């Protein structure tokens, strides 16, 4: 395998189609990876490029440790995992946003500017799949909030007394409404990013930077 050989980690699931389409537009035709859902590694015909398909949350690990030279991963995952990778391009797809939400019947009072007064949540608990995102948000406001990490169904946490609020990703807000929760504060917006292993970025700079520049133009 030559030093020019690139290994690209792409996320399985709904982001894979957008990822494959974007790389194809950049000259790396990899639409065929969508045809076999069981296969996880692919060599691109006529290119010194390998595609590996990973769980989205595993991609920063593959890239940080050099199993992949570059990867496509959500900004939310990058913030939560805080791994040592180079973030190169905002790919503009896979949009999501993080919010703080609480039960409809226990919303904080509003300030004069119309925003909710988050100070009343000091020393409370937040159920979330993203404890670092939650911790950073409240710490930046000088607040002490205890994140409680859950792996699913966090919407029920306030109903059963596990936490006073949740920190979660929302798209339409339908799930919040179904569970009688209301958004009380936005945290951040996230999209998919191209990341690179720091050593690979130096050794294979021309190839990685060249691809990054093509993607910037396309997005």
C-alpha atoms as a PDB file:
ATOM      1  CA  UNK A   1       0.000   0.000   0.000  1.00  0.00           C
ATOM      2  CA  UNK A   2       1.612   3.275  -1.086  1.00  0.00           C
ATOM      3  CA  UNK A   3       1.961   6.344   1.104  1.00  0.00           C
ATOM      4  CA  UNK A   4      -0.562   8.017  -1.189  1.00  0.00           C
ATOM      5  CA  UNK A   5      -3.261   5.451  -0.374  1.00  0.00           C
ATOM      6  CA  UNK A   6      -6.193   7.147   1.360  1.00  0.00           C
ATOM      7  CA  UNK A   7      -8.629   5.454   3.707  1.00  0.00           C
ATOM      8  CA  UNK A   8     -11.909   7.327   4.107  1.00  0.00           C
ATOM      9  CA  UNK A   9     -14.369   6.513   6.905  1.00  0.00           C
ATOM     10  CA  UNK A  10     -17.999   7.210   6.033  1.00  0.00           C
ATOM     11  CA  UNK A  11     -20.974   6.993   8.412  1.00  0.00           C
ATOM     12  CA  UNK A  12     -23.459   4.199   7.964  1.00  0.00           C
ATOM     13  CA  UNK A  13     -27.099   5.155   8.048  1.00  0.00           C
ATOM     14  CA  UNK A  14     -28.835   8.205   6.642  1.00  0.00           C
ATOM     15  CA  UNK A  15     -25.634  10.223   6.154  1.00  0.00           C
ATOM     16  CA  UNK A  16     -24.047   7.623   3.888  1.00  0.00           C
ATOM     17  CA  UNK A  17     -26.019   8.614   0.792  1.00  0.00           C
ATOM     18  CA  UNK A  18     -25.103  12.306   1.111  1.00  0.00           C
ATOM     19  CA  UNK A  19     -21.471  11.366   1.805  1.00  0.00           C
ATOM     20  CA  UNK A  20     -21.205   9.073  -1.221  1.00  0.00           C
ATOM     21  CA  UNK A  21     -22.888  11.597  -3.505  1.00  0.00           C
ATOM     22  CA  UNK A  22     -20.561  14.392  -2.416  1.00  0.00           C
ATOM     23  CA  UNK A  23     -17.401  12.314  -2.869  1.00  0.00           C
ATOM     24  CA  UNK A  24     -18.640  11.214  -6.290  1.00  0.00           C
ATOM     25  CA  UNK A  25     -19.085  14.850  -7.325  1.00  0.00           C
ATOM     26  CA  UNK A  26     -15.514  15.449  -6.127  1.00  0.00           C
ATOM     27  CA  UNK A  27     -14.217  12.762  -8.497  1.00  0.00           C
ATOM     28  CA  UNK A  28     -14.232   9.723  -6.222  1.00  0.00           C
ATOM     29  CA  UNK A  29     -17.097   7.662  -7.623  1.00  0.00           C
ATOM     30  CA  UNK A  30     -18.273   5.599  -4.689  1.00  0.00           C
ATOM     31  CA  UNK A  31     -22.021   5.336  -5.234  1.00  0.00           C
ATOM     32  CA  UNK A  32     -21.591   1.569  -5.520  1.00  0.00           C
ATOM     33  CA  UNK A  33     -20.966   1.383  -1.760  1.00  0.00           C
ATOM     34  CA  UNK A  34     -24.722   1.888  -1.305  1.00  0.00           C
ATOM     35  CA  UNK A  35     -25.512  -1.361  -3.128  1.00  0.00           C
ATOM     36  CA  UNK A  36     -24.325  -3.817  -0.475  1.00  0.00           C
ATOM     37  CA  UNK A  37     -25.434  -2.984   3.053  1.00  0.00           C
ATOM     38  CA  UNK A  38     -23.483  -5.902   4.552  1.00  0.00           C
ATOM     39  CA  UNK A  39     -20.065  -5.025   3.161  1.00  0.00           C
ATOM     40  CA  UNK A  40     -18.071  -2.522   5.208  1.00  0.00           C
ATOM     41  CA  UNK A  41     -14.854  -1.998   3.193  1.00  0.00           C
ATOM     42  CA  UNK A  42     -14.533  -1.034  -0.480  1.00  0.00           C
ATOM     43  CA  UNK A  43     -11.595  -0.289  -2.790  1.00  0.00           C
ATOM     44  CA  UNK A  44     -12.362   2.360  -5.408  1.00  0.00           C
ATOM     45  CA  UNK A  45     -11.601   1.055  -8.917  1.00  0.00           C
ATOM     46  CA  UNK A  46      -8.611   2.846 -10.455  1.00  0.00           C
ATOM     47  CA  UNK A  47      -7.985   4.907  -7.316  1.00  0.00           C
ATOM     48  CA  UNK A  48      -5.650   4.463  -4.366  1.00  0.00           C
ATOM     49  CA  UNK A  49      -8.622   4.950  -2.072  1.00  0.00           C
ATOM     50  CA  UNK A  50     -10.370   2.639   0.387  1.00  0.00           C
ATOM     51  CA  UNK A  51     -13.794   3.380   1.842  1.00  0.00           C
ATOM     52  CA  UNK A  52     -14.739   1.963   5.229  1.00  0.00           C
ATOM     53  CA  UNK A  53     -18.273   2.194   6.592  1.00  0.00           C
ATOM     54  CA  UNK A  54     -18.505   2.819  10.357  1.00  0.00           C
ATOM     55  CA  UNK A  55     -20.971   3.747  13.022  1.00  0.00           C
ATOM     56  CA  UNK A  56     -21.035   7.557  13.060  1.00  0.00           C
ATOM     57  CA  UNK A  57     -19.913   7.732  16.684  1.00  0.00           C
ATOM     58  CA  UNK A  58     -16.881   5.525  15.940  1.00  0.00           C
ATOM     59  CA  UNK A  59     -15.487   7.634  13.099  1.00  0.00           C
ATOM     60  CA  UNK A  60     -13.462  10.080  15.253  1.00  0.00           C
ATOM     61  CA  UNK A  61     -11.768   7.077  16.892  1.00  0.00           C
ATOM     62  CA  UNK A  62     -10.867   5.485  13.543  1.00  0.00           C
ATOM     63  CA  UNK A  63      -9.449   8.802  12.376  1.00  0.00           C
ATOM     64  CA  UNK A  64      -7.613   9.772  15.562  1.00  0.00           C
ATOM     65  CA  UNK A  65      -5.783   6.424  15.702  1.00  0.00           C
ATOM     66  CA  UNK A  66      -4.976   6.384  11.995  1.00  0.00           C
ATOM     67  CA  UNK A  67      -7.172   3.474  10.910  1.00  0.00           C
ATOM     68  CA  UNK A  68      -8.711   6.053   8.571  1.00  0.00           C
ATOM     69  CA  UNK A  69      -6.939   9.079   7.122  1.00  0.00           C
ATOM     70  CA  UNK A  70     -10.105  11.126   6.830  1.00  0.00           C
ATOM     71  CA  UNK A  71     -13.739  10.782   7.860  1.00  0.00           C
ATOM     72  CA  UNK A  72     -17.147  12.400   7.599  1.00  0.00           C
ATOM     73  CA  UNK A  73     -18.782  12.957  10.988  1.00  0.00           C
ATOM     74  CA  UNK A  74     -21.299  15.234  12.677  1.00  0.00           C
ATOM     75  CA  UNK A  75     -20.071  18.270  14.576  1.00  0.00           C
ATOM     76  CA  UNK A  76     -22.170  17.091  17.517  1.00  0.00           C
ATOM     77  CA  UNK A  77     -20.102  13.898  17.723  1.00  0.00           C
ATOM     78  CA  UNK A  78     -16.851  15.890  17.485  1.00  0.00           C
ATOM     79  CA  UNK A  79     -17.849  18.116  20.381  1.00  0.00           C
ATOM     80  CA  UNK A  80     -19.086  15.254  22.517  1.00  0.00           C
ATOM     81  CA  UNK A  81     -16.061  13.012  21.985  1.00  0.00           C
ATOM     82  CA  UNK A  82     -13.431  15.775  21.943  1.00  0.00           C
ATOM     83  CA  UNK A  83     -10.879  13.617  20.130  1.00  0.00           C
ATOM     84  CA  UNK A  84      -7.626  14.836  18.610  1.00  0.00           C
ATOM     85  CA  UNK A  85      -8.423  15.218  14.917  1.00  0.00           C
ATOM     86  CA  UNK A  86      -8.155  18.039  12.388  1.00  0.00           C
ATOM     87  CA  UNK A  87     -11.498  19.508  11.317  1.00  0.00           C
ATOM     88  CA  UNK A  88     -11.194  20.622   7.698  1.00  0.00           C
ATOM     89  CA  UNK A  89     -14.528  21.279   5.985  1.00  0.00           C
ATOM     90  CA  UNK A  90     -18.133  21.974   6.945  1.00  0.00           C
ATOM     91  CA  UNK A  91     -19.981  19.716   4.490  1.00  0.00           C
ATOM     92  CA  UNK A  92     -23.330  21.427   5.187  1.00  0.00           C
ATOM     93  CA  UNK A  93     -25.499  18.287   5.282  1.00  0.00           C
ATOM     94  CA  UNK A  94     -26.848  16.243   8.188  1.00  0.00           C
ATOM     95  CA  UNK A  95     -28.161  19.355   9.932  1.00  0.00           C
ATOM     96  CA  UNK A  96     -29.383  19.024  13.496  1.00  0.00           C
ATOM     97  CA  UNK A  97     -29.617  21.228  16.549  1.00  0.00           C
ATOM     98  CA  UNK A  98     -29.288  20.768  20.291  1.00  0.00           C
ATOM     99  CA  UNK A  99     -31.754  22.253  22.757  1.00  0.00           C
ATOM    100  CA  UNK A 100     -32.611  22.269  26.430  1.00  0.00           C
ATOM    101  CA  UNK A 101     -36.206  21.152  26.964  1.00  0.00           C
ATOM    102  CA  UNK A 102     -38.453  20.873  30.026  1.00  0.00           C
ATOM    103  CA  UNK A 103     -41.991  19.709  30.817  1.00  0.00           C
ATOM    104  CA  UNK A 104     -44.720  22.134  29.745  1.00  0.00           C
ATOM    105  CA  UNK A 105     -45.936  22.497  33.327  1.00  0.00           C
ATOM    106  CA  UNK A 106     -42.541  23.399  34.845  1.00  0.00           C
ATOM    107  CA  UNK A 107     -41.051  25.989  32.515  1.00  0.00           C
ATOM    108  CA  UNK A 108     -38.718  28.611  34.022  1.00  0.00           C
ATOM    109  CA  UNK A 109     -39.910  32.231  34.221  1.00  0.00           C
ATOM    110  CA  UNK A 110     -39.100  34.506  31.311  1.00  0.00           C
ATOM    111  CA  UNK A 111     -36.760  37.469  31.408  1.00  0.00           C
ATOM    112  CA  UNK A 112     -37.627  40.930  30.067  1.00  0.00           C
ATOM    113  CA  UNK A 113     -36.102  40.000  26.682  1.00  0.00           C
ATOM    114  CA  UNK A 114     -38.477  37.057  26.349  1.00  0.00           C
ATOM    115  CA  UNK A 115     -35.867  34.367  26.952  1.00  0.00           C
ATOM    116  CA  UNK A 116     -36.267  31.808  29.708  1.00  0.00           C
ATOM    117  CA  UNK A 117     -34.385  32.477  32.937  1.00  0.00           C
ATOM    118  CA  UNK A 118     -31.993  29.524  33.005  1.00  0.00           C
ATOM    119  CA  UNK A 119     -30.483  30.553  36.338  1.00  0.00           C
ATOM    120  CA  UNK A 120     -33.290  28.737  38.156  1.00  0.00           C
ATOM    121  CA  UNK A 121     -31.878  25.493  36.734  1.00  0.00           C
ATOM    122  CA  UNK A 122     -28.628  25.813  38.662  1.00  0.00           C
ATOM    123  CA  UNK A 123     -27.797  22.603  40.565  1.00  0.00           C
ATOM    124  CA  UNK A 124     -30.471  20.682  38.641  1.00  0.00           C
ATOM    125  CA  UNK A 125     -30.068  17.541  36.513  1.00  0.00           C
ATOM    126  CA  UNK A 126     -30.200  17.129  32.731  1.00  0.00           C
ATOM    127  CA  UNK A 127     -30.822  13.772  31.067  1.00  0.00           C
ATOM    128  CA  UNK A 128     -28.923  13.479  27.801  1.00  0.00           C
ATOM    129  CA  UNK A 129     -27.056  11.268  25.355  1.00  0.00           C
ATOM    130  CA  UNK A 130     -24.482  14.064  25.118  1.00  0.00           C
ATOM    131  CA  UNK A 131     -23.170  14.885  28.618  1.00  0.00           C
ATOM    132  CA  UNK A 132     -20.159  16.890  27.384  1.00  0.00           C
ATOM    133  CA  UNK A 133     -22.330  19.098  25.173  1.00  0.00           C
ATOM    134  CA  UNK A 134     -24.631  19.719  28.131  1.00  0.00           C
ATOM    135  CA  UNK A 135     -21.762  20.340  30.544  1.00  0.00           C
ATOM    136  CA  UNK A 136     -20.090  22.853  28.241  1.00  0.00           C
ATOM    137  CA  UNK A 137     -23.314  24.754  27.653  1.00  0.00           C
ATOM    138  CA  UNK A 138     -24.120  25.241  31.317  1.00  0.00           C
ATOM    139  CA  UNK A 139     -20.507  25.749  32.433  1.00  0.00           C
ATOM    140  CA  UNK A 140     -20.132  28.612  29.953  1.00  0.00           C
ATOM    141  CA  UNK A 141     -23.006  30.270  31.798  1.00  0.00           C
ATOM    142  CA  UNK A 142     -21.424  29.738  35.196  1.00  0.00           C
ATOM    143  CA  UNK A 143     -23.980  27.107  36.137  1.00  0.00           C
ATOM    144  CA  UNK A 144     -23.591  23.758  37.832  1.00  0.00           C
ATOM    145  CA  UNK A 145     -25.889  21.245  36.188  1.00  0.00           C
ATOM    146  CA  UNK A 146     -25.414  17.491  36.530  1.00  0.00           C
ATOM    147  CA  UNK A 147     -25.663  15.653  33.195  1.00  0.00           C
ATOM    148  CA  UNK A 148     -27.116  12.152  33.468  1.00  0.00           C
ATOM    149  CA  UNK A 149     -26.072  10.045  30.496  1.00  0.00           C
ATOM    150  CA  UNK A 150     -28.749   7.860  28.952  1.00  0.00           C
ATOM    151  CA  UNK A 151     -28.688   5.856  25.726  1.00  0.00           C
ATOM    152  CA  UNK A 152     -32.299   6.283  24.673  1.00  0.00           C
ATOM    153  CA  UNK A 153     -35.805   7.490  25.543  1.00  0.00           C
ATOM    154  CA  UNK A 154     -34.479  10.473  27.431  1.00  0.00           C
ATOM    155  CA  UNK A 155     -37.815  12.264  27.005  1.00  0.00           C
ATOM    156  CA  UNK A 156     -39.320  10.266  29.869  1.00  0.00           C
ATOM    157  CA  UNK A 157     -36.607  11.284  32.371  1.00  0.00           C
ATOM    158  CA  UNK A 158     -38.464  14.385  33.645  1.00  0.00           C
ATOM    159  CA  UNK A 159     -41.726  12.414  33.867  1.00  0.00           C
ATOM    160  CA  UNK A 160     -40.248   9.880  36.292  1.00  0.00           C
ATOM    161  CA  UNK A 161     -38.161  12.342  38.314  1.00  0.00           C
ATOM    162  CA  UNK A 162     -34.748  11.318  37.010  1.00  0.00           C
ATOM    163  CA  UNK A 163     -33.976  14.836  35.802  1.00  0.00           C
ATOM    164  CA  UNK A 164     -35.625  18.244  35.628  1.00  0.00           C
ATOM    165  CA  UNK A 165     -34.712  18.787  31.969  1.00  0.00           C
ATOM    166  CA  UNK A 166     -33.252  17.100  28.894  1.00  0.00           C
ATOM    167  CA  UNK A 167     -30.545  18.097  26.436  1.00  0.00           C
ATOM    168  CA  UNK A 168     -31.147  16.521  23.073  1.00  0.00           C
ATOM    169  CA  UNK A 169     -31.080  16.815  19.292  1.00  0.00           C
ATOM    170  CA  UNK A 170     -34.297  17.991  17.687  1.00  0.00           C
ATOM    171  CA  UNK A 171     -35.410  18.299  14.092  1.00  0.00           C
ATOM    172  CA  UNK A 172     -39.141  18.973  13.844  1.00  0.00           C
ATOM    173  CA  UNK A 173     -39.880  19.139  17.565  1.00  0.00           C
ATOM    174  CA  UNK A 174     -42.581  16.495  17.171  1.00  0.00           C
ATOM    175  CA  UNK A 175     -41.042  14.157  19.771  1.00  0.00           C
ATOM    176  CA  UNK A 176     -40.870  16.964  22.330  1.00  0.00           C
ATOM    177  CA  UNK A 177     -44.521  17.812  21.764  1.00  0.00           C
ATOM    178  CA  UNK A 178     -45.588  14.173  22.044  1.00  0.00           C
ATOM    179  CA  UNK A 179     -43.895  14.000  25.452  1.00  0.00           C
ATOM    180  CA  UNK A 180     -45.257  17.371  26.617  1.00  0.00           C
ATOM    181  CA  UNK A 181     -41.837  18.997  26.578  1.00  0.00           C
ATOM    182  CA  UNK A 182     -41.020  22.514  25.395  1.00  0.00           C
ATOM    183  CA  UNK A 183     -37.738  23.942  24.165  1.00  0.00           C
ATOM    184  CA  UNK A 184     -36.410  26.528  26.603  1.00  0.00           C
ATOM    185  CA  UNK A 185     -32.967  27.249  25.147  1.00  0.00           C
ATOM    186  CA  UNK A 186     -31.024  26.539  21.948  1.00  0.00           C
ATOM    187  CA  UNK A 187     -27.526  25.126  22.455  1.00  0.00           C
ATOM    188  CA  UNK A 188     -25.878  24.674  19.067  1.00  0.00           C
ATOM    189  CA  UNK A 189     -26.453  23.773  15.447  1.00  0.00           C
ATOM    190  CA  UNK A 190     -24.438  20.932  13.921  1.00  0.00           C
ATOM    191  CA  UNK A 191     -23.657  19.672  10.420  1.00  0.00           C
ATOM    192  CA  UNK A 192     -21.387  16.979   9.004  1.00  0.00           C
ATOM    193  CA  UNK A 193     -17.658  17.781   8.898  1.00  0.00           C
ATOM    194  CA  UNK A 194     -14.655  16.355   7.060  1.00  0.00           C
ATOM    195  CA  UNK A 195     -11.963  15.466   9.587  1.00  0.00           C
ATOM    196  CA  UNK A 196      -8.424  14.132   9.173  1.00  0.00           C
ATOM    197  CA  UNK A 197      -5.847  12.264  11.184  1.00  0.00           C
ATOM    198  CA  UNK A 198      -3.190  14.837  12.099  1.00  0.00           C
ATOM    199  CA  UNK A 199      -0.238  12.694  10.997  1.00  0.00           C
ATOM    200  CA  UNK A 200      -1.953  11.713   7.751  1.00  0.00           C
ATOM    201  CA  UNK A 201      -2.699  15.363   7.080  1.00  0.00           C
ATOM    202  CA  UNK A 202       1.019  16.143   7.144  1.00  0.00           C
ATOM    203  CA  UNK A 203       2.198  13.058   5.244  1.00  0.00           C
ATOM    204  CA  UNK A 204      -0.577  13.078   2.642  1.00  0.00           C
ATOM    205  CA  UNK A 205      -1.164  16.819   2.636  1.00  0.00           C
ATOM    206  CA  UNK A 206      -1.551  17.264  -1.124  1.00  0.00           C
ATOM    207  CA  UNK A 207      -4.177  14.533  -1.456  1.00  0.00           C
ATOM    208  CA  UNK A 208      -6.145  15.413   1.663  1.00  0.00           C
ATOM    209  CA  UNK A 209      -6.008  19.164   1.158  1.00  0.00           C
ATOM    210  CA  UNK A 210      -6.828  18.730  -2.515  1.00  0.00           C
ATOM    211  CA  UNK A 211      -9.964  16.780  -1.646  1.00  0.00           C
ATOM    212  CA  UNK A 212     -10.873  19.303   1.038  1.00  0.00           C
ATOM    213  CA  UNK A 213     -10.644  22.165  -1.465  1.00  0.00           C
ATOM    214  CA  UNK A 214     -12.860  20.334  -3.963  1.00  0.00           C
ATOM    215  CA  UNK A 215     -15.447  19.724  -1.262  1.00  0.00           C
ATOM    216  CA  UNK A 216     -15.427  23.359  -0.139  1.00  0.00           C
ATOM    217  CA  UNK A 217     -16.302  24.406  -3.672  1.00  0.00           C
ATOM    218  CA  UNK A 218     -19.087  21.841  -3.935  1.00  0.00           C
ATOM    219  CA  UNK A 219     -20.788  22.721  -0.661  1.00  0.00           C
END
